[in-house]
Amino acid sequence: MQTQKCNKCPNYYELTTEFFHKESRIKTGFSKTCKICVKTYKKLWIANSGYTQPSFYESCKGDSIMARAIILRSGLVSRSREKNLPFDKSILNTNYIYNWLTQTQSCECCKRNFDFTFKNINNYSSPTIDKFYSSLGYVIGNIHLLCWRCNILKKNYSASKLETVMLWMNCK
């Protein structure tokens, strides 16, 4: 069984869902922080900040587009920190993303209409914000609204690989 050291405490644990949350964006498929530390840090943060969290939809007043804008911005912030990428935080605020979503309403790549509901976890029509050139980060001019499906396709393949797949599909 493979083990992993928690990045918050000195302990090593088996690399399973018993000790780590699943995280598809990390090579191992698991978070780098053990569940015990995640729970401990969350409790400490809540205790020290005096924060009481309203339900997510209460904070969005039932507006699913605002809920998506909040989720998307949160992802931009965390990924830019994780990967040390530039991020236009003064421009790319929740209101900017909300307005962008309400004006665009469809994927820039395939033109599929976005689905702003939270029906299921694998919603191919959910909006995502994608960096065209990964190294430039989340800055105006380098980001685009794509549906989840197009973003995943773009993420996993280079342009030449996509062209190879497309040519193969056209031959069948």
Protein backbone atom coordinates (compact mmCIF):
# COMPACT_ATOMS: atom_id res chain seq x y z
CA MET A 1 0.00 0.00 0.00
CA GLN A 2 1.30 3.44 -0.97
CA THR A 3 1.69 6.06 1.78
CA GLN A 4 1.78 9.83 1.74
CA LYS A 5 2.99 12.46 4.20
CA CYS A 6 0.43 15.09 5.15
CA ASN A 7 1.64 18.59 4.20
CA LYS A 8 0.29 20.06 7.48
CA CYS A 9 1.44 17.49 10.05
CA PRO A 10 4.45 15.14 10.19
CA ASN A 11 2.34 11.98 9.84
CA TYR A 12 2.37 9.45 7.02
CA TYR A 13 -0.89 7.72 6.13
CA GLU A 14 -2.05 5.10 3.64
CA LEU A 15 -3.04 6.80 0.41
CA THR A 16 -6.75 5.94 0.68
CA THR A 17 -10.04 7.77 1.08
CA GLU A 18 -9.95 6.83 4.76
CA PHE A 19 -7.14 9.36 5.32
CA PHE A 20 -7.22 11.77 2.33
CA HIS A 21 -9.97 13.43 0.29
CA LYS A 22 -10.01 12.58 -3.42
CA GLU A 23 -8.56 15.34 -5.60
CA SER A 24 -8.54 14.64 -9.35
CA ARG A 25 -6.29 17.61 -10.15
CA ILE A 26 -3.39 16.15 -8.13
CA LYS A 27 -1.19 13.47 -9.67
CA THR A 28 -1.81 10.91 -6.91
CA GLY A 29 -5.56 11.51 -7.03
CA PHE A 30 -5.65 12.52 -3.36
CA SER A 31 -5.40 15.76 -1.40
CA LYS A 32 -2.01 16.53 0.14
CA THR A 33 -3.57 17.33 3.54
CA CYS A 34 -4.95 14.50 5.68
CA LYS A 35 -8.62 14.54 6.70
CA ILE A 36 -7.71 15.04 10.35
CA CYS A 37 -5.77 18.24 9.61
CA VAL A 38 -8.48 19.53 7.26
CA LYS A 39 -11.09 19.10 9.99
CA THR A 40 -8.82 20.61 12.67
CA TYR A 41 -7.85 23.67 10.60
CA LYS A 42 -11.48 24.26 9.60
CA LYS A 43 -12.60 24.20 13.25
CA LEU A 44 -9.77 26.55 14.26
CA TRP A 45 -10.54 28.96 11.46
CA ILE A 46 -14.24 29.08 12.34
CA ALA A 47 -13.48 29.52 16.05
CA ASN A 48 -10.93 32.31 15.46
CA SER A 49 -12.86 34.21 12.80
CA GLY A 50 -16.26 34.16 14.48
CA TYR A 51 -17.63 33.28 11.06
CA THR A 52 -21.07 31.75 10.81
CA GLN A 53 -21.78 30.41 7.38
CA PRO A 54 -25.21 31.01 5.91
CA SER A 55 -26.45 28.33 3.58
CA PHE A 56 -24.88 28.74 0.16
CA TYR A 57 -28.18 29.47 -1.57
CA GLU A 58 -29.18 31.99 1.11
CA SER A 59 -26.05 33.95 0.29
CA CYS A 60 -26.98 33.83 -3.42
CA LYS A 61 -30.67 34.59 -2.79
CA GLY A 62 -31.60 31.57 -4.95
CA ASP A 63 -29.77 32.97 -8.00
CA SER A 64 -28.04 30.00 -9.67
CA ILE A 65 -25.92 32.24 -11.92
CA MET A 66 -24.61 34.13 -8.88
CA ALA A 67 -23.91 30.77 -7.22
CA ARG A 68 -21.88 29.72 -10.28
CA ALA A 69 -20.02 33.06 -10.31
CA ILE A 70 -19.01 32.57 -6.66
CA ILE A 71 -17.88 28.99 -7.29
CA LEU A 72 -15.93 29.93 -10.43
CA ARG A 73 -14.15 32.86 -8.74
CA SER A 74 -13.26 30.70 -5.75
CA GLY A 75 -11.68 28.18 -8.13
CA LEU A 76 -9.70 30.89 -9.91
CA VAL A 77 -8.35 32.21 -6.63
CA SER A 78 -7.31 28.80 -5.30
CA ARG A 79 -5.75 27.57 -8.57
CA SER A 80 -3.82 30.81 -9.08
CA ARG A 81 -2.42 30.49 -5.54
CA GLU A 82 -1.65 26.75 -5.89
CA LYS A 83 0.15 27.19 -9.19
CA ASN A 84 1.58 30.65 -8.50
CA LEU A 85 -0.14 32.13 -11.56
CA PRO A 86 -1.04 35.76 -12.27
CA PHE A 87 -4.65 36.66 -11.35
CA ASP A 88 -6.49 39.94 -12.05
CA LYS A 89 -8.23 39.95 -8.66
CA SER A 90 -9.29 43.58 -8.86
CA ILE A 91 -11.10 42.98 -12.17
CA LEU A 92 -12.16 39.33 -11.89
CA ASN A 93 -14.46 39.79 -8.93
CA THR A 94 -17.75 37.94 -8.45
CA ASN A 95 -19.80 40.76 -10.03
CA TYR A 96 -17.60 40.78 -13.16
CA ILE A 97 -17.96 36.99 -13.53
CA TYR A 98 -21.72 37.19 -12.87
CA ASN A 99 -22.16 39.84 -15.58
CA TRP A 100 -19.96 37.84 -17.96
CA LEU A 101 -22.07 34.72 -17.38
CA THR A 102 -25.39 36.55 -17.86
CA GLN A 103 -24.17 38.18 -21.09
CA THR A 104 -22.49 35.11 -22.60
CA GLN A 105 -24.87 32.22 -21.67
CA SER A 106 -23.09 29.71 -23.99
CA CYS A 107 -19.72 28.01 -24.51
CA GLU A 108 -17.29 30.03 -26.62
CA CYS A 109 -16.02 26.79 -28.18
CA CYS A 110 -19.05 24.61 -29.02
CA LYS A 111 -21.84 27.21 -28.50
CA ARG A 112 -23.69 24.85 -26.10
CA ASN A 113 -26.00 26.78 -23.75
CA PHE A 114 -24.77 26.76 -20.17
CA ASP A 115 -26.74 24.92 -17.51
CA PHE A 116 -26.50 26.89 -14.27
CA THR A 117 -28.41 24.35 -12.18
CA PHE A 118 -26.77 21.95 -9.79
CA LYS A 119 -28.52 18.77 -10.98
CA ASN A 120 -25.60 16.41 -10.93
CA ILE A 121 -21.86 16.41 -10.49
CA ASN A 122 -20.92 15.62 -14.11
CA ASN A 123 -22.89 18.32 -15.89
CA TYR A 124 -21.22 18.74 -19.29
CA SER A 125 -23.01 22.06 -19.80
CA SER A 126 -21.74 23.70 -16.60
CA PRO A 127 -19.75 26.88 -17.27
CA THR A 128 -16.03 26.91 -16.55
CA ILE A 129 -13.36 29.59 -16.92
CA ASP A 130 -10.37 28.41 -18.92
CA LYS A 131 -6.92 29.89 -19.48
CA PHE A 132 -6.00 29.87 -23.17
CA TYR A 133 -2.27 29.95 -22.38
CA SER A 134 -1.78 28.22 -19.02
CA SER A 135 1.39 30.08 -18.06
CA LEU A 136 -0.23 33.53 -18.46
CA GLY A 137 -2.70 32.82 -15.65
CA TYR A 138 -6.16 34.23 -15.03
CA VAL A 139 -5.91 37.62 -16.69
CA ILE A 140 -8.24 39.50 -19.01
CA GLY A 141 -7.55 38.46 -22.60
CA ASN A 142 -6.35 34.99 -21.61
CA ILE A 143 -9.55 33.59 -20.11
CA HIS A 144 -12.63 32.18 -21.81
CA LEU A 145 -15.99 30.76 -20.78
CA LEU A 146 -16.19 27.13 -21.85
CA CYS A 147 -18.59 24.36 -20.99
CA TRP A 148 -17.18 21.65 -18.75
CA ARG A 149 -16.90 19.17 -21.65
CA CYS A 150 -14.84 21.49 -23.90
CA ASN A 151 -12.60 22.50 -21.01
CA ILE A 152 -11.84 18.85 -20.19
CA LEU A 153 -11.11 18.07 -23.85
CA LYS A 154 -8.80 21.08 -24.13
CA LYS A 155 -7.11 20.27 -20.82
CA ASN A 156 -6.21 16.71 -21.78
CA TYR A 157 -5.02 17.26 -25.34
CA SER A 158 -2.77 19.57 -27.30
CA ALA A 159 -4.09 21.06 -30.56
CA SER A 160 -2.19 18.47 -32.60
CA LYS A 161 -3.58 15.59 -30.50
CA LEU A 162 -7.12 16.94 -30.91
CA GLU A 163 -6.54 17.22 -34.64
CA THR A 164 -5.36 13.59 -34.73
CA VAL A 165 -8.51 12.47 -32.90
CA MET A 166 -10.69 14.59 -35.19
CA LEU A 167 -9.08 13.13 -38.33
CA TRP A 168 -9.54 9.61 -36.97
CA MET A 169 -13.22 10.29 -36.18
CA ASN A 170 -13.82 11.72 -39.68
CA CYS A 171 -12.39 8.53 -41.24
CA LYS A 172 -14.82 6.25 -39.41
